[in-house]
Amino acid sequence: MKYVHFQRGRYVVRVTVPLELRGIIGKRELVAPLDADKRSAQRAALCIINGFLATIDDAHAKFAATRPTITSAAKAHYQQRSDLCRMV
């Protein structure tokens, strides 16, 4: 499995958080320990991986919602310029 690694005699689920989402999630990677038995670790890993990927998807949705669009950035720029012109 892609996110399951054998480490120090145990299996571990390890999912790296993308750079832009680390501020939202607050972690560099999401890690969960599993059993030492390969079969039971792989069974348990499916639920954990789905939860981690859902957390990343939620953070990505928050990131996309807070990022300004081109239109809103242009309106804010011209509003700021018009405020400066009124002051002079």
N, C-alpha and C. Protein backbone atom coordinates (compact mmCIF):
# COMPACT_ATOMS: atom_id res chain seq x y z
N MET A 1 0.84 -1.18 0.00
CA MET A 1 0.00 0.00 0.00
C MET A 1 0.89 1.24 0.00
N LYS A 2 0.41 2.28 -0.59
CA LYS A 2 1.22 3.48 -0.80
C LYS A 2 1.61 4.19 0.49
N TYR A 3 0.72 4.34 1.44
CA TYR A 3 0.98 5.14 2.64
C TYR A 3 1.38 4.30 3.85
N VAL A 4 1.46 2.99 3.70
CA VAL A 4 1.81 2.11 4.81
C VAL A 4 3.29 1.77 4.74
N HIS A 5 3.99 2.00 5.84
CA HIS A 5 5.43 1.75 5.91
C HIS A 5 5.74 0.86 7.11
N PHE A 6 6.76 0.02 6.96
CA PHE A 6 7.21 -0.81 8.07
C PHE A 6 8.35 -0.08 8.75
N GLN A 7 8.17 0.20 10.04
CA GLN A 7 9.13 1.03 10.76
C GLN A 7 9.32 0.49 12.17
N ARG A 8 10.54 0.11 12.51
CA ARG A 8 10.89 -0.37 13.85
C ARG A 8 9.99 -1.52 14.33
N GLY A 9 9.76 -2.47 13.45
CA GLY A 9 8.99 -3.64 13.83
C GLY A 9 7.48 -3.46 13.83
N ARG A 10 7.00 -2.32 13.39
CA ARG A 10 5.56 -2.05 13.33
C ARG A 10 5.23 -1.39 12.00
N TYR A 11 3.97 -1.48 11.64
CA TYR A 11 3.49 -0.78 10.45
C TYR A 11 2.93 0.58 10.86
N VAL A 12 3.13 1.56 9.98
CA VAL A 12 2.71 2.93 10.26
C VAL A 12 2.07 3.51 9.01
N VAL A 13 0.98 4.24 9.19
CA VAL A 13 0.39 5.01 8.08
C VAL A 13 0.98 6.40 8.14
N ARG A 14 1.53 6.87 7.01
CA ARG A 14 2.17 8.17 6.96
C ARG A 14 1.74 8.88 5.67
N VAL A 15 1.04 10.01 5.82
CA VAL A 15 0.57 10.80 4.68
C VAL A 15 1.16 12.20 4.82
N THR A 16 1.88 12.64 3.80
CA THR A 16 2.49 13.97 3.81
C THR A 16 1.44 15.02 3.45
N VAL A 17 1.43 16.11 4.21
CA VAL A 17 0.50 17.22 3.97
C VAL A 17 1.14 18.18 2.97
N PRO A 18 0.43 18.59 1.91
CA PRO A 18 0.99 19.55 0.95
C PRO A 18 1.41 20.86 1.63
N LEU A 19 2.41 21.51 1.07
CA LEU A 19 2.98 22.73 1.66
C LEU A 19 1.95 23.80 1.95
N GLU A 20 1.04 24.06 1.02
CA GLU A 20 0.09 25.15 1.19
C GLU A 20 -0.96 24.85 2.26
N LEU A 21 -1.11 23.57 2.64
CA LEU A 21 -2.12 23.21 3.62
C LEU A 21 -1.55 23.00 5.02
N ARG A 22 -0.26 23.07 5.17
CA ARG A 22 0.37 22.82 6.47
C ARG A 22 -0.03 23.86 7.51
N GLY A 23 -0.26 25.08 7.10
CA GLY A 23 -0.71 26.11 8.03
C GLY A 23 -2.12 25.87 8.54
N ILE A 24 -2.96 25.28 7.71
CA ILE A 24 -4.34 25.00 8.10
C ILE A 24 -4.41 23.76 8.99
N ILE A 25 -3.72 22.71 8.59
CA ILE A 25 -3.76 21.46 9.35
C ILE A 25 -2.87 21.55 10.58
N GLY A 26 -1.76 22.25 10.47
CA GLY A 26 -0.87 22.41 11.61
C GLY A 26 0.17 21.32 11.75
N LYS A 27 0.29 20.48 10.75
CA LYS A 27 1.26 19.39 10.78
C LYS A 27 1.90 19.23 9.41
N ARG A 28 3.11 18.66 9.43
CA ARG A 28 3.83 18.40 8.19
C ARG A 28 3.38 17.09 7.57
N GLU A 29 3.03 16.13 8.43
CA GLU A 29 2.52 14.86 7.95
C GLU A 29 1.57 14.27 9.00
N LEU A 30 0.68 13.43 8.52
CA LEU A 30 -0.28 12.76 9.40
C LEU A 30 0.19 11.32 9.58
N VAL A 31 0.34 10.89 10.83
CA VAL A 31 0.91 9.58 11.14
C VAL A 31 0.01 8.84 12.12
N ALA A 32 -0.14 7.53 11.90
CA ALA A 32 -0.90 6.68 12.82
C ALA A 32 -0.23 5.31 12.91
N PRO A 33 0.02 4.83 14.12
CA PRO A 33 0.63 3.50 14.27
C PRO A 33 -0.39 2.39 14.01
N LEU A 34 0.11 1.26 13.52
CA LEU A 34 -0.72 0.09 13.25
C LEU A 34 -0.12 -1.12 13.96
N ASP A 35 -0.74 -2.29 13.75
CA ASP A 35 -0.25 -3.53 14.34
C ASP A 35 1.05 -3.98 13.67
N ALA A 36 1.71 -4.96 14.30
CA ALA A 36 2.91 -5.54 13.73
C ALA A 36 2.57 -6.57 12.66
N ASP A 37 1.34 -7.09 12.70
CA ASP A 37 0.89 -8.08 11.73
C ASP A 37 0.52 -7.37 10.42
N LYS A 38 1.09 -7.83 9.33
CA LYS A 38 0.91 -7.16 8.04
C LYS A 38 -0.55 -7.16 7.58
N ARG A 39 -1.22 -8.28 7.72
CA ARG A 39 -2.61 -8.37 7.24
C ARG A 39 -3.56 -7.47 8.01
N SER A 40 -3.47 -7.51 9.31
CA SER A 40 -4.37 -6.67 10.11
C SER A 40 -4.02 -5.19 9.97
N ALA A 41 -2.73 -4.91 9.77
CA ALA A 41 -2.32 -3.52 9.56
C ALA A 41 -2.88 -2.97 8.27
N GLN A 42 -2.86 -3.77 7.21
CA GLN A 42 -3.40 -3.30 5.94
C GLN A 42 -4.91 -3.10 6.00
N ARG A 43 -5.60 -3.97 6.74
CA ARG A 43 -7.05 -3.80 6.90
C ARG A 43 -7.39 -2.52 7.65
N ALA A 44 -6.66 -2.27 8.72
CA ALA A 44 -6.92 -1.07 9.52
C ALA A 44 -6.48 0.19 8.80
N ALA A 45 -5.48 0.05 7.94
CA ALA A 45 -4.92 1.22 7.25
C ALA A 45 -5.92 1.87 6.31
N LEU A 46 -6.81 1.10 5.73
CA LEU A 46 -7.77 1.67 4.77
C LEU A 46 -8.62 2.77 5.39
N CYS A 47 -9.14 2.52 6.57
CA CYS A 47 -9.98 3.53 7.24
C CYS A 47 -9.15 4.75 7.64
N ILE A 48 -7.96 4.51 8.12
CA ILE A 48 -7.10 5.61 8.57
C ILE A 48 -6.68 6.48 7.38
N ILE A 49 -6.31 5.84 6.28
CA ILE A 49 -5.90 6.59 5.09
C ILE A 49 -7.07 7.42 4.57
N ASN A 50 -8.26 6.84 4.52
CA ASN A 50 -9.44 7.59 4.06
C ASN A 50 -9.69 8.80 4.96
N GLY A 51 -9.53 8.64 6.26
CA GLY A 51 -9.71 9.76 7.18
C GLY A 51 -8.67 10.85 6.97
N PHE A 52 -7.42 10.45 6.78
CA PHE A 52 -6.36 11.43 6.54
C PHE A 52 -6.60 12.19 5.23
N LEU A 53 -6.97 11.47 4.18
CA LEU A 53 -7.21 12.13 2.89
C LEU A 53 -8.44 13.03 2.95
N ALA A 54 -9.44 12.66 3.75
CA ALA A 54 -10.61 13.53 3.93
C ALA A 54 -10.21 14.80 4.67
N THR A 55 -9.32 14.69 5.65
CA THR A 55 -8.82 15.87 6.37
C THR A 55 -8.09 16.80 5.41
N ILE A 56 -7.27 16.23 4.53
CA ILE A 56 -6.54 17.04 3.55
C ILE A 56 -7.51 17.69 2.57
N ASP A 57 -8.53 16.96 2.14
CA ASP A 57 -9.54 17.54 1.24
C ASP A 57 -10.30 18.69 1.89
N ASP A 58 -10.65 18.55 3.16
CA ASP A 58 -11.33 19.63 3.88
C ASP A 58 -10.44 20.87 3.99
N ALA A 59 -9.16 20.64 4.29
CA ALA A 59 -8.22 21.76 4.39
C ALA A 59 -8.03 22.42 3.02
N HIS A 60 -8.04 21.63 1.96
CA HIS A 60 -7.91 22.19 0.62
C HIS A 60 -9.12 23.05 0.27
N ALA A 61 -10.30 22.62 0.70
CA ALA A 61 -11.52 23.42 0.46
C ALA A 61 -11.46 24.74 1.23
N LYS A 62 -10.97 24.70 2.47
CA LYS A 62 -10.81 25.94 3.25
C LYS A 62 -9.80 26.86 2.60
N PHE A 63 -8.71 26.28 2.09
CA PHE A 63 -7.67 27.07 1.45
C PHE A 63 -8.21 27.74 0.18
N ALA A 64 -8.98 27.01 -0.60
CA ALA A 64 -9.54 27.57 -1.84
C ALA A 64 -10.56 28.65 -1.53
N ALA A 65 -11.29 28.52 -0.41
CA ALA A 65 -12.31 29.51 -0.06
C ALA A 65 -11.68 30.81 0.42
N THR A 66 -10.51 30.74 1.05
CA THR A 66 -9.88 31.95 1.57
C THR A 66 -9.02 32.66 0.54
N ARG A 67 -8.68 31.98 -0.53
CA ARG A 67 -7.83 32.58 -1.56
C ARG A 67 -8.66 33.52 -2.42
N PRO A 68 -8.20 34.75 -2.63
CA PRO A 68 -8.99 35.70 -3.42
C PRO A 68 -8.99 35.34 -4.90
N THR A 69 -10.08 35.67 -5.57
CA THR A 69 -10.15 35.48 -7.01
C THR A 69 -9.53 36.69 -7.70
N ILE A 70 -9.33 36.61 -8.97
CA ILE A 70 -8.76 37.73 -9.73
C ILE A 70 -9.68 38.93 -9.67
N THR A 71 -10.97 38.69 -9.79
CA THR A 71 -11.94 39.78 -9.76
C THR A 71 -11.94 40.49 -8.41
N SER A 72 -11.97 39.74 -7.32
CA SER A 72 -11.99 40.38 -6.01
C SER A 72 -10.67 41.09 -5.71
N ALA A 73 -9.55 40.53 -6.19
CA ALA A 73 -8.26 41.19 -5.99
C ALA A 73 -8.21 42.51 -6.77
N ALA A 74 -8.72 42.51 -7.99
CA ALA A 74 -8.73 43.73 -8.80
C ALA A 74 -9.64 44.80 -8.17
N LYS A 75 -10.81 44.39 -7.69
CA LYS A 75 -11.71 45.35 -7.05
C LYS A 75 -11.08 45.96 -5.80
N ALA A 76 -10.40 45.14 -5.01
CA ALA A 76 -9.74 45.64 -3.81
C ALA A 76 -8.61 46.60 -4.17
N HIS A 77 -7.87 46.28 -5.23
CA HIS A 77 -6.77 47.15 -5.67
C HIS A 77 -7.30 48.52 -6.10
N TYR A 78 -8.34 48.52 -6.94
CA TYR A 78 -8.87 49.79 -7.42
C TYR A 78 -9.59 50.57 -6.32
N GLN A 79 -10.19 49.88 -5.38
CA GLN A 79 -10.80 50.55 -4.24
C GLN A 79 -9.73 51.24 -3.40
N GLN A 80 -8.63 50.56 -3.20
CA GLN A 80 -7.53 51.14 -2.42
C GLN A 80 -6.95 52.36 -3.14
N ARG A 81 -6.81 52.28 -4.45
CA ARG A 81 -6.28 53.41 -5.22
C ARG A 81 -7.23 54.60 -5.18
N SER A 82 -8.53 54.33 -5.28
CA SER A 82 -9.49 55.43 -5.26
C SER A 82 -9.52 56.09 -3.87
N ASP A 83 -9.32 55.29 -2.80
CA ASP A 83 -9.25 55.86 -1.46
C ASP A 83 -8.02 56.75 -1.32
N LEU A 84 -6.92 56.35 -1.94
CA LEU A 84 -5.71 57.18 -1.88
C LEU A 84 -5.89 58.48 -2.64
N CYS A 85 -6.59 58.43 -3.78
CA CYS A 85 -6.82 59.63 -4.56
C CYS A 85 -7.72 60.61 -3.82
N ARG A 86 -8.65 60.12 -3.05
CA ARG A 86 -9.54 61.00 -2.30
C ARG A 86 -8.80 61.72 -1.18
N MET A 87 -7.77 61.08 -0.64
CA MET A 87 -7.00 61.68 0.44
C MET A 87 -6.16 62.86 -0.03
N VAL A 88 -5.79 62.85 -1.28
CA VAL A 88 -4.91 63.90 -1.80
C VAL A 88 -5.66 65.11 -2.18
